[in-house]
């Protein structure tokens, strides 16, 4: 039977859930259907709601309640709830209430400015907002740990325990394999015909494809809807209401296809959390890296496989008979897996994707230590893209303005994409020991695959740590070599090296 103390903590969690639900509704509305000039009123509402949420988390009476709960008999879940609430209190209470709410208002205006800047391909329209965001993140990092480098503080917020030293070692390990692989593909790789991917792909047909893909993945349309936004994203309200978005390009069907699969991976994670975690602080992904592992796993290890493409082929050829006339599933597979250094991270191939993440990581480090001024960011971005990917950036929209993350204040998030990608490779290697993944994908049967992931990862939410979940799924510690080995094996086969 639940103690009176624990019931009080459950009541608090329910209130926090309600406020977060309201904040999520406003954010989702802002990025999908809200009028472009509605941000000021929205910012006022968000500031008020965030202030109330802050007061609930940073309540001076909470530590005593948590201490009392630790002295009572608790279930494993209740112990995890107490630990998570303590973490939330410790981190949130260090930030002055006024600054906490003001930052929410700032990022609301910053997202609006970013949208306008990207449309005009003019970084100067966004720069003043980013300057304030960087200054805020550097200042508030000292509230958490004045002796730690600001960027280390924020890396730890997105992936517990992560530091620049760990990221440097991780990215060096990836670069040592990826850069020579890209060079070898460019010099010796067989040419892959991709011209059929160009042309016109009617938007209405793409929308029907999106619906078919979500159904194939097993995403329940009664609990998950697809909308449109400038930058695809996923918002989770609770396991009964998860919303994803995509962005349609009439000249690029693959962009939408893999955006839907990527965001669908996030959605599947949220849709399969245990009922017992709902309305508690444990509902949600264990970390950004774990969440990205599921979206990248679905997008690449499953979605870019030949088996999946074969299962989707009847739908693709029915919706796009002219565009795919004379094309085989094998040709499509190679085309959507071609290795070609490019400008846009979300559309990058598997080999070069993490190089895009490294560009952002290197720039964030310099922004946070003060060695790079915001006004110099576009030039630094272009130089990094040239150094790591060998591409010339034509304008701000295709360069420094392509991602929404900095407008949202998410400095330190990007490494999670690379970590998640590597986590996913290790999970797939483990899954293949238990399941004939290729046969299941070709048969269009995702259920055993999603069941495997639900059993080992999804159901637990934040109840277990990322390290525990990785061990649960993979039977061992994290090892990036699974990812680099996967890339070498797959792309040597595709390019006949």
Protein backbone atom coordinates (compact mmCIF):
# COMPACT_ATOMS: atom_id res chain seq x y z
CA UNK A 1 0.00 0.00 0.00
CA UNK A 2 1.31 3.45 -0.94
CA UNK A 3 2.43 5.61 1.98
CA UNK A 4 0.95 9.04 2.65
CA UNK A 5 4.30 10.61 1.72
CA UNK A 6 4.44 8.82 -1.58
CA UNK A 7 0.84 9.78 -2.34
CA UNK A 8 1.76 13.44 -1.79
CA UNK A 9 4.63 13.03 -4.26
CA UNK A 10 2.30 11.37 -6.77
CA UNK A 11 -0.08 14.33 -6.45
CA UNK A 12 2.81 16.68 -7.18
CA UNK A 13 3.82 14.64 -10.23
CA UNK A 14 0.25 14.77 -11.56
CA UNK A 15 0.30 18.57 -11.29
CA UNK A 16 3.65 18.74 -13.06
CA UNK A 17 2.28 16.49 -15.78
CA UNK A 18 -0.72 18.80 -16.28
CA UNK A 19 1.43 21.91 -16.63
CA UNK A 20 3.82 20.14 -19.00
CA UNK A 21 0.84 18.96 -21.05
CA UNK A 22 -0.33 22.56 -21.42
CA UNK A 23 3.18 23.76 -22.32
CA UNK A 24 3.49 21.01 -24.93
CA UNK A 25 0.13 21.87 -26.50
CA UNK A 26 1.19 25.50 -26.87
CA UNK A 27 4.57 24.51 -28.34
CA UNK A 28 3.07 22.03 -30.79
CA UNK A 29 0.48 24.58 -31.89
CA UNK A 30 3.21 27.21 -32.34
CA UNK A 31 5.22 25.04 -34.73
CA UNK A 32 2.30 23.72 -36.76
CA UNK A 33 -0.73 26.00 -37.13
CA UNK A 34 -0.29 29.17 -35.07
CA UNK A 35 -0.14 32.50 -36.96
CA UNK A 36 3.42 33.67 -37.59
CA UNK A 37 3.03 36.86 -35.56
CA UNK A 38 1.36 35.26 -32.53
CA UNK A 39 4.57 34.60 -30.62
CA UNK A 40 4.43 37.58 -28.25
CA UNK A 41 1.12 36.57 -26.66
CA UNK A 42 2.23 32.96 -26.58
CA UNK A 43 5.43 34.01 -24.83
CA UNK A 44 3.45 35.76 -22.09
CA UNK A 45 1.35 32.63 -21.49
CA UNK A 46 4.41 30.38 -21.47
CA UNK A 47 6.18 32.65 -19.01
CA UNK A 48 3.27 32.42 -16.55
CA UNK A 49 2.81 28.66 -16.91
CA UNK A 50 6.55 28.03 -16.62
CA UNK A 51 6.70 30.15 -13.46
CA UNK A 52 4.02 28.03 -11.82
CA UNK A 53 5.73 24.82 -12.90
CA UNK A 54 9.00 26.17 -11.51
CA UNK A 55 7.38 26.90 -8.15
CA UNK A 56 6.12 23.33 -7.93
CA UNK A 57 9.53 21.80 -8.66
CA UNK A 58 11.57 24.27 -6.60
CA UNK A 59 9.21 24.25 -3.59
CA UNK A 60 11.41 24.67 -0.47
CA UNK A 61 9.27 22.05 1.28
CA UNK A 62 10.03 19.36 -1.31
CA UNK A 63 13.47 18.22 -0.03
CA UNK A 64 12.02 17.31 3.39
CA UNK A 65 9.22 15.34 1.74
CA UNK A 66 11.73 13.47 -0.42
CA UNK A 67 13.93 12.75 2.59
CA UNK A 68 10.94 11.35 4.46
CA UNK A 69 10.08 9.14 1.47
CA UNK A 70 13.63 7.76 1.41
CA UNK A 71 13.17 6.61 5.01
CA UNK A 72 10.04 4.64 4.18
CA UNK A 73 9.57 1.32 2.44
CA UNK A 74 9.28 1.89 -1.31
CA UNK A 75 8.87 -0.13 -4.47
CA UNK A 76 11.59 0.01 -7.13
CA UNK A 77 9.45 2.43 -9.16
CA UNK A 78 8.77 4.66 -6.15
CA UNK A 79 12.49 4.79 -5.37
CA UNK A 80 13.15 5.85 -8.96
CA UNK A 81 10.46 8.54 -8.72
CA UNK A 82 12.03 9.95 -5.56
CA UNK A 83 15.48 9.99 -7.18
CA UNK A 84 14.17 11.72 -10.31
CA UNK A 85 12.22 14.32 -8.31
CA UNK A 86 15.36 15.01 -6.26
CA UNK A 87 17.34 15.54 -9.46
CA UNK A 88 14.65 17.89 -10.80
CA UNK A 89 14.62 19.88 -7.56
CA UNK A 90 18.42 20.07 -7.32
CA UNK A 91 18.79 21.36 -10.87
CA UNK A 92 15.76 23.64 -11.13
CA UNK A 93 16.07 25.33 -7.74
CA UNK A 94 19.57 26.53 -8.61
CA UNK A 95 18.17 28.80 -11.33
CA UNK A 96 16.47 32.00 -10.08
CA UNK A 97 12.74 31.85 -10.77
CA UNK A 98 12.70 35.04 -12.82
CA UNK A 99 15.50 33.81 -15.09
CA UNK A 100 13.84 30.42 -15.54
CA UNK A 101 10.60 31.97 -16.82
CA UNK A 102 12.32 34.69 -18.84
CA UNK A 103 14.29 32.06 -20.77
CA UNK A 104 11.07 30.36 -21.88
CA UNK A 105 9.83 33.72 -23.17
CA UNK A 106 13.17 34.37 -24.90
CA UNK A 107 13.19 31.05 -26.77
CA UNK A 108 9.60 31.61 -27.91
CA UNK A 109 10.70 34.83 -29.61
CA UNK A 110 13.92 33.18 -30.83
CA UNK A 111 12.08 30.39 -32.66
CA UNK A 112 9.95 32.99 -34.45
CA UNK A 113 13.08 34.94 -35.39
CA UNK A 114 14.80 31.74 -36.58
CA UNK A 115 11.87 30.90 -38.87
CA UNK A 116 12.03 34.35 -40.46
CA UNK A 117 15.81 34.26 -40.73
CA UNK A 118 15.77 30.85 -42.39
CA UNK A 119 13.07 31.93 -44.87
CA UNK A 120 15.17 34.99 -45.77
CA UNK A 121 18.48 33.08 -45.49
CA UNK A 122 19.74 35.92 -43.28
CA UNK A 123 21.52 34.93 -40.06
CA UNK A 124 21.60 38.53 -38.83
CA UNK A 125 17.85 38.37 -38.12
CA UNK A 126 18.44 35.55 -35.64
CA UNK A 127 21.85 36.51 -34.25
CA UNK A 128 20.65 38.88 -31.47
CA UNK A 129 18.45 36.15 -30.02
CA UNK A 130 21.19 33.54 -30.19
CA UNK A 131 23.57 35.92 -28.42
CA UNK A 132 21.10 36.14 -25.52
CA UNK A 133 20.61 32.35 -25.47
CA UNK A 134 24.35 31.64 -25.39
CA UNK A 135 24.87 34.24 -22.65
CA UNK A 136 22.04 32.70 -20.62
CA UNK A 137 23.41 29.18 -20.98
CA UNK A 138 26.91 30.26 -20.01
CA UNK A 139 25.60 32.21 -17.00
CA UNK A 140 23.23 29.56 -15.69
CA UNK A 141 25.84 26.80 -16.07
CA UNK A 142 27.62 28.41 -13.12
CA UNK A 143 24.52 27.88 -10.98
CA UNK A 144 24.93 24.13 -11.49
CA UNK A 145 28.70 23.91 -11.08
CA UNK A 146 30.88 27.01 -11.16
CA UNK A 147 34.01 24.83 -11.31
CA UNK A 148 32.93 22.97 -14.42
CA UNK A 149 33.20 24.21 -18.01
CA UNK A 150 29.76 25.55 -19.07
CA UNK A 151 29.53 23.19 -22.03
CA UNK A 152 30.26 20.18 -19.81
CA UNK A 153 27.32 21.25 -17.65
CA UNK A 154 24.92 21.24 -20.58
CA UNK A 155 26.24 18.04 -22.15
CA UNK A 156 25.48 16.38 -18.83
CA UNK A 157 21.91 17.74 -18.92
CA UNK A 158 21.13 15.93 -22.16
CA UNK A 159 23.13 12.75 -21.48
CA UNK A 160 23.96 12.15 -17.82
CA UNK A 161 27.69 11.96 -17.21
CA UNK A 162 28.67 13.09 -20.72
CA UNK A 163 31.63 15.47 -20.99
CA UNK A 164 33.72 17.11 -23.68
CA UNK A 165 36.54 14.68 -22.92
CA UNK A 166 34.22 11.73 -23.61
CA UNK A 167 32.78 13.37 -26.72
CA UNK A 168 36.25 14.16 -28.07
CA UNK A 169 37.31 10.53 -27.65
CA UNK A 170 34.04 9.24 -29.16
CA UNK A 171 34.20 11.52 -32.19
CA UNK A 172 37.89 10.81 -32.73
CA UNK A 173 37.06 7.08 -32.83
CA UNK A 174 34.34 7.71 -35.41
CA UNK A 175 36.46 10.05 -37.55
CA UNK A 176 39.27 7.51 -37.70
CA UNK A 177 36.92 5.16 -39.60
CA UNK A 178 34.40 7.47 -41.28
CA UNK A 179 36.73 9.92 -43.02
CA UNK A 180 38.85 7.19 -44.70
CA UNK A 181 35.63 5.35 -45.65
CA UNK A 182 34.17 8.45 -47.31
CA UNK A 183 37.45 8.96 -49.18
CA UNK A 184 37.60 5.34 -50.33
CA UNK A 185 33.99 5.40 -51.54
CA UNK A 186 34.70 8.57 -53.49
CA UNK A 187 37.83 7.15 -55.10
CA UNK A 188 36.96 3.50 -55.72
CA UNK A 189 33.25 3.06 -55.17
CA UNK A 190 30.96 1.84 -57.94
CA UNK A 191 28.68 4.58 -59.27
CA UNK A 192 25.12 4.38 -57.94
CA UNK A 193 22.36 5.59 -60.30
CA UNK A 194 20.24 8.11 -58.36
CA UNK A 195 18.71 10.30 -61.06
CA UNK A 196 15.27 8.77 -60.57
CA UNK A 197 15.13 10.33 -57.08
CA UNK A 198 15.04 13.75 -58.72
CA UNK A 199 11.92 15.16 -60.31
CA UNK A 200 8.40 15.78 -59.05
CA UNK A 201 6.76 13.73 -56.30
CA UNK A 202 3.17 14.94 -55.72
CA UNK A 203 2.56 16.03 -52.14
CA UNK A 204 -0.80 14.27 -51.86
CA UNK A 205 0.84 10.98 -52.83
CA UNK A 206 3.58 11.62 -50.27
CA UNK A 207 0.92 12.10 -47.60
CA UNK A 208 -0.58 8.74 -48.49
CA UNK A 209 2.91 7.23 -48.28
CA UNK A 210 3.35 8.72 -44.80
CA UNK A 211 0.13 7.08 -43.61
CA UNK A 212 1.17 3.73 -45.11
CA UNK A 213 4.59 3.86 -43.45
CA UNK A 214 3.13 4.67 -40.03
CA UNK A 215 0.73 1.74 -40.39
CA UNK A 216 3.56 -0.59 -41.43
CA UNK A 217 5.58 0.47 -38.38
CA UNK A 218 2.64 -0.35 -36.14
CA UNK A 219 1.95 3.22 -35.04
CA UNK A 220 -1.62 3.41 -33.76
CA UNK A 221 -3.35 6.33 -35.50
CA UNK A 222 -5.80 6.56 -32.58
CA UNK A 223 -2.91 7.71 -30.42
CA UNK A 224 -0.50 9.35 -32.87
CA UNK A 225 -1.12 11.97 -35.55
CA UNK A 226 1.15 13.41 -38.25
CA UNK A 227 1.25 17.16 -38.88
CA UNK A 228 3.54 19.49 -40.84
CA UNK A 229 6.21 21.87 -39.54
CA UNK A 230 9.32 23.67 -40.77
CA UNK A 231 11.55 21.25 -38.85
CA UNK A 232 10.22 17.71 -38.16
CA UNK A 233 9.83 16.85 -34.48
CA UNK A 234 7.95 14.69 -31.99
CA UNK A 235 5.92 15.87 -29.00
CA UNK A 236 4.79 13.40 -26.36
CA UNK A 237 1.89 14.31 -24.08
CA UNK A 238 1.45 10.83 -22.62
CA UNK A 239 1.39 7.34 -24.13
CA UNK A 240 -2.14 7.92 -25.42
CA UNK A 241 -1.25 11.12 -27.30
CA UNK A 242 2.00 11.40 -29.24
CA UNK A 243 2.32 13.76 -32.20
CA UNK A 244 4.89 13.81 -34.96
CA UNK A 245 5.53 16.19 -37.82
CA UNK A 246 7.21 16.13 -41.20
CA UNK A 247 8.06 18.60 -43.95
CA UNK A 248 7.10 17.80 -47.54
CA UNK A 249 9.32 18.69 -50.49
CA UNK A 250 7.82 18.14 -53.91
CA UNK A 251 11.25 17.49 -55.39
CA UNK A 252 12.40 15.06 -52.67
CA UNK A 253 10.17 12.19 -51.59
CA UNK A 254 12.93 10.45 -49.61
CA UNK A 255 13.23 13.44 -47.26
CA UNK A 256 9.67 12.99 -46.03
CA UNK A 257 9.85 9.20 -46.08
CA UNK A 258 12.78 9.08 -43.70
CA UNK A 259 11.56 12.00 -41.58
CA UNK A 260 8.36 10.06 -40.89
CA UNK A 261 10.28 6.88 -40.04
CA UNK A 262 12.67 8.85 -37.80
CA UNK A 263 9.93 10.65 -35.89
CA UNK A 264 7.94 7.42 -35.89
CA UNK A 265 10.78 5.82 -33.96
CA UNK A 266 10.46 8.50 -31.28
CA UNK A 267 6.71 7.95 -31.23
CA UNK A 268 6.98 4.16 -30.83
CA UNK A 269 9.21 4.66 -27.78
CA UNK A 270 6.65 6.93 -26.11
CA UNK A 271 3.63 4.84 -27.14
CA UNK A 272 5.04 1.70 -25.52
CA UNK A 273 5.95 2.94 -22.05
CA UNK A 274 4.42 1.05 -19.16
CA UNK A 275 1.01 2.25 -18.02
CA UNK A 276 2.25 2.40 -14.43
CA UNK A 277 4.65 5.22 -15.36
CA UNK A 278 2.00 7.51 -16.80
CA UNK A 279 1.58 10.90 -15.10
CA UNK A 280 4.80 10.37 -13.15
CA UNK A 281 8.22 11.95 -13.66
CA UNK A 282 9.47 8.61 -15.03
CA UNK A 283 7.36 8.77 -18.18
CA UNK A 284 9.57 9.77 -21.09
CA UNK A 285 12.83 8.66 -22.67
CA UNK A 286 15.73 7.79 -20.37
CA UNK A 287 17.96 10.34 -22.12
CA UNK A 288 18.22 12.24 -25.37
CA UNK A 289 20.76 9.69 -26.60
CA UNK A 290 18.41 6.79 -25.83
CA UNK A 291 15.54 8.57 -27.57
CA UNK A 292 17.68 9.28 -30.63
CA UNK A 293 18.82 5.67 -30.65
CA UNK A 294 15.25 4.62 -31.30
CA UNK A 295 14.55 7.17 -34.03
CA UNK A 296 17.87 6.52 -35.77
CA UNK A 297 17.40 2.76 -35.38
CA UNK A 298 14.03 2.95 -37.12
CA UNK A 299 15.17 5.43 -39.77
CA UNK A 300 18.41 3.72 -40.76
CA UNK A 301 18.94 0.21 -39.46
CA UNK A 302 15.33 -0.72 -40.28
CA UNK A 303 14.06 1.90 -42.73
CA UNK A 304 17.07 1.94 -45.05
CA UNK A 305 17.31 -1.84 -45.18
CA UNK A 306 16.56 -3.78 -48.34
CA UNK A 307 13.96 -5.87 -46.51
CA UNK A 308 11.95 -2.81 -45.49
CA UNK A 309 12.12 -1.32 -48.98
CA UNK A 310 10.89 -4.59 -50.47
CA UNK A 311 7.93 -4.60 -48.09
CA UNK A 312 7.09 -1.00 -49.00
CA UNK A 313 7.66 -1.47 -52.74
CA UNK A 314 4.04 -2.24 -53.76
CA UNK A 315 2.92 0.98 -52.05
CA UNK A 316 5.73 3.05 -53.55
CA UNK A 317 5.10 1.86 -57.11
CA UNK A 318 1.34 2.32 -56.74
CA UNK A 319 1.72 5.91 -55.52
CA UNK A 320 4.58 6.87 -57.85
CA UNK A 321 4.25 4.67 -60.97
CA UNK A 322 5.90 7.17 -63.32
CA UNK A 323 8.76 8.17 -61.06
CA UNK A 324 9.67 4.56 -60.26
CA UNK A 325 9.05 3.02 -63.68
CA UNK A 326 11.81 0.51 -64.39
CA UNK A 327 13.33 0.91 -60.91
CA UNK A 328 13.91 -2.17 -58.74
CA UNK A 329 13.82 -2.36 -54.92
CA UNK A 330 17.55 -3.11 -55.03
CA UNK A 331 18.23 0.05 -57.07
CA UNK A 332 16.10 2.14 -54.70
CA UNK A 333 17.92 0.65 -51.72
CA UNK A 334 21.29 1.68 -53.10
CA UNK A 335 20.03 5.14 -54.09
CA UNK A 336 18.67 6.02 -50.64
CA UNK A 337 21.89 4.70 -49.10
CA UNK A 338 24.33 6.50 -51.38
CA UNK A 339 27.27 8.13 -49.62
CA UNK A 340 27.51 11.71 -50.78
CA UNK A 341 28.74 14.57 -48.58
CA UNK A 342 25.92 17.11 -48.49
CA UNK A 343 24.67 20.26 -46.80
CA UNK A 344 21.69 19.19 -44.69
CA UNK A 345 22.11 17.06 -41.55
CA UNK A 346 18.60 15.58 -41.54
CA UNK A 347 19.06 14.34 -45.10
CA UNK A 348 22.63 13.09 -44.71
CA UNK A 349 23.56 9.50 -45.49
CA UNK A 350 24.60 7.12 -42.72
CA UNK A 351 28.33 7.48 -43.37
CA UNK A 352 28.52 11.27 -43.28
CA UNK A 353 25.74 11.94 -40.75
CA UNK A 354 27.97 12.03 -37.68
CA UNK A 355 30.33 14.45 -39.43
CA UNK A 356 27.40 16.89 -39.50
CA UNK A 357 26.99 16.38 -35.76
CA UNK A 358 30.70 17.01 -35.25
CA UNK A 359 30.40 20.37 -37.03
CA UNK A 360 27.80 21.47 -34.49
CA UNK A 361 29.70 20.01 -31.56
CA UNK A 362 32.90 21.88 -32.41
CA UNK A 363 31.03 25.17 -32.84
CA UNK A 364 29.03 24.75 -29.63
CA UNK A 365 32.24 24.17 -27.67
CA UNK A 366 33.64 27.45 -28.97
CA UNK A 367 30.42 29.37 -28.41
CA UNK A 368 30.27 28.18 -24.84
CA UNK A 369 33.91 28.90 -23.97
CA UNK A 370 33.71 32.34 -25.56
CA UNK A 371 36.31 31.73 -28.27
CA UNK A 372 33.68 32.12 -31.01
CA UNK A 373 31.36 35.13 -31.19
CA UNK A 374 27.82 34.59 -32.46
CA UNK A 375 28.35 37.12 -35.25
CA UNK A 376 31.20 34.97 -36.59
CA UNK A 377 29.19 31.74 -36.48
CA UNK A 378 28.20 31.57 -40.20
CA UNK A 379 31.81 31.84 -41.36
CA UNK A 380 32.95 29.30 -38.76
CA UNK A 381 30.12 26.97 -39.81
CA UNK A 382 31.11 27.17 -43.46
CA UNK A 383 34.75 26.49 -42.60
CA UNK A 384 33.85 23.43 -40.52
CA UNK A 385 31.62 22.06 -43.29
CA UNK A 386 34.48 22.43 -45.75
CA UNK A 387 36.98 20.81 -43.39
CA UNK A 388 34.88 17.84 -42.27
CA UNK A 389 32.63 17.22 -45.27
CA UNK A 390 34.40 18.99 -48.14
CA UNK A 391 31.30 20.94 -49.17
CA UNK A 392 30.80 24.64 -49.89
CA UNK A 393 27.83 26.25 -48.13
CA UNK A 394 25.89 28.51 -50.53
CA UNK A 395 23.82 30.44 -48.00
CA UNK A 396 22.68 30.63 -44.36
CA UNK A 397 19.47 28.66 -44.94
CA UNK A 398 21.49 25.66 -46.14
CA UNK A 399 24.09 26.23 -43.46
CA UNK A 400 23.99 27.72 -40.00
CA UNK A 401 20.19 28.24 -39.99
CA UNK A 402 19.11 24.74 -40.98
CA UNK A 403 18.39 23.47 -37.42
CA UNK A 404 15.88 24.80 -34.90
CA UNK A 405 17.77 23.52 -31.85
CA UNK A 406 19.76 26.64 -30.95
CA UNK A 407 16.62 28.77 -31.15
CA UNK A 408 15.10 26.44 -28.53
CA UNK A 409 18.15 26.88 -26.31
CA UNK A 410 19.36 23.32 -26.87
CA UNK A 411 23.13 23.79 -26.70
CA UNK A 412 24.58 20.36 -25.89
CA UNK A 413 21.83 18.31 -27.57
CA UNK A 414 23.54 17.54 -30.89
CA UNK A 415 26.05 14.94 -29.63
CA UNK A 416 23.02 12.86 -28.59
CA UNK A 417 22.27 12.23 -32.28
CA UNK A 418 25.67 10.63 -32.83
CA UNK A 419 25.59 8.72 -29.55
CA UNK A 420 22.07 7.51 -30.30
CA UNK A 421 23.14 6.36 -33.75
CA UNK A 422 25.96 4.32 -32.22
CA UNK A 423 23.70 2.96 -29.46
CA UNK A 424 21.29 1.81 -32.17
CA UNK A 425 23.96 -0.16 -34.03
CA UNK A 426 24.83 -2.08 -30.88
CA UNK A 427 21.14 -2.76 -30.18
CA UNK A 428 20.65 -4.07 -33.72
CA UNK A 429 23.62 -6.42 -33.37
CA UNK A 430 22.04 -7.80 -30.21
CA UNK A 431 18.54 -8.01 -31.72
CA UNK A 432 19.86 -10.02 -34.67
CA UNK A 433 20.95 -12.74 -32.25
CA UNK A 434 17.30 -13.25 -31.29
CA UNK A 435 15.37 -12.35 -34.44
CA UNK A 436 15.67 -12.79 -38.21
CA UNK A 437 15.29 -9.04 -38.65
CA UNK A 438 15.68 -8.99 -42.43
CA UNK A 439 13.00 -11.64 -42.97
CA UNK A 440 10.60 -9.85 -40.62
CA UNK A 441 11.12 -6.52 -42.38
CA UNK A 442 10.62 -8.04 -45.83
CA UNK A 443 7.39 -9.64 -44.61
CA UNK A 444 6.24 -6.27 -43.27
CA UNK A 445 6.08 -7.74 -39.76
CA UNK A 446 7.43 -5.17 -37.31
CA UNK A 447 5.66 -6.65 -34.27
CA UNK A 448 8.49 -8.96 -33.07
CA UNK A 449 10.98 -6.11 -33.56
CA UNK A 450 8.96 -3.55 -31.62
CA UNK A 451 8.17 -6.23 -29.02
CA UNK A 452 11.90 -6.84 -28.52
CA UNK A 453 12.52 -3.11 -28.04
CA UNK A 454 9.52 -2.68 -25.75
CA UNK A 455 10.66 -5.54 -23.51
CA UNK A 456 14.22 -4.26 -23.14
CA UNK A 457 13.94 -0.46 -23.43
CA UNK A 458 10.64 1.25 -24.13
CA UNK A 459 8.54 0.07 -21.19
CA UNK A 460 10.95 1.43 -18.57
CA UNK A 461 10.90 5.13 -19.41
CA UNK A 462 13.26 6.83 -16.96
CA UNK A 463 12.92 4.08 -14.36
CA UNK A 464 16.29 2.67 -15.46
CA UNK A 465 19.41 4.61 -16.41
CA UNK A 466 20.68 4.71 -20.03
CA UNK A 467 23.58 2.43 -18.99
CA UNK A 468 21.17 -0.08 -17.45
CA UNK A 469 18.97 -0.03 -20.54
CA UNK A 470 21.92 -0.53 -22.88
CA UNK A 471 23.04 -3.49 -20.79
CA UNK A 472 19.47 -4.76 -20.78
CA UNK A 473 19.32 -4.63 -24.58
CA UNK A 474 22.91 -5.44 -25.49
CA UNK A 475 24.25 -7.48 -22.59
CA UNK A 476 27.30 -5.27 -22.16
CA UNK A 477 28.79 -1.79 -22.02
CA UNK A 478 28.52 0.75 -24.84
CA UNK A 479 31.04 0.17 -27.64
CA UNK A 480 31.10 2.52 -30.69
CA UNK A 481 32.91 -0.17 -32.70
CA UNK A 482 29.55 -1.83 -33.41
CA UNK A 483 28.60 1.30 -35.35
CA UNK A 484 31.83 1.72 -37.30
CA UNK A 485 31.93 -2.00 -38.13
CA UNK A 486 28.34 -1.74 -39.39
CA UNK A 487 29.20 1.19 -41.66
CA UNK A 488 32.23 -0.54 -43.15
CA UNK A 489 30.38 -3.81 -43.79
CA UNK A 490 27.28 -2.17 -45.28
CA UNK A 491 29.03 0.36 -47.49
CA UNK A 492 31.75 -1.96 -48.71
CA UNK A 493 28.90 -4.16 -49.99
CA UNK A 494 26.89 -1.29 -51.52
CA UNK A 495 29.90 0.22 -53.29
CA UNK A 496 31.51 -3.13 -54.14
CA UNK A 497 34.78 -2.21 -52.47
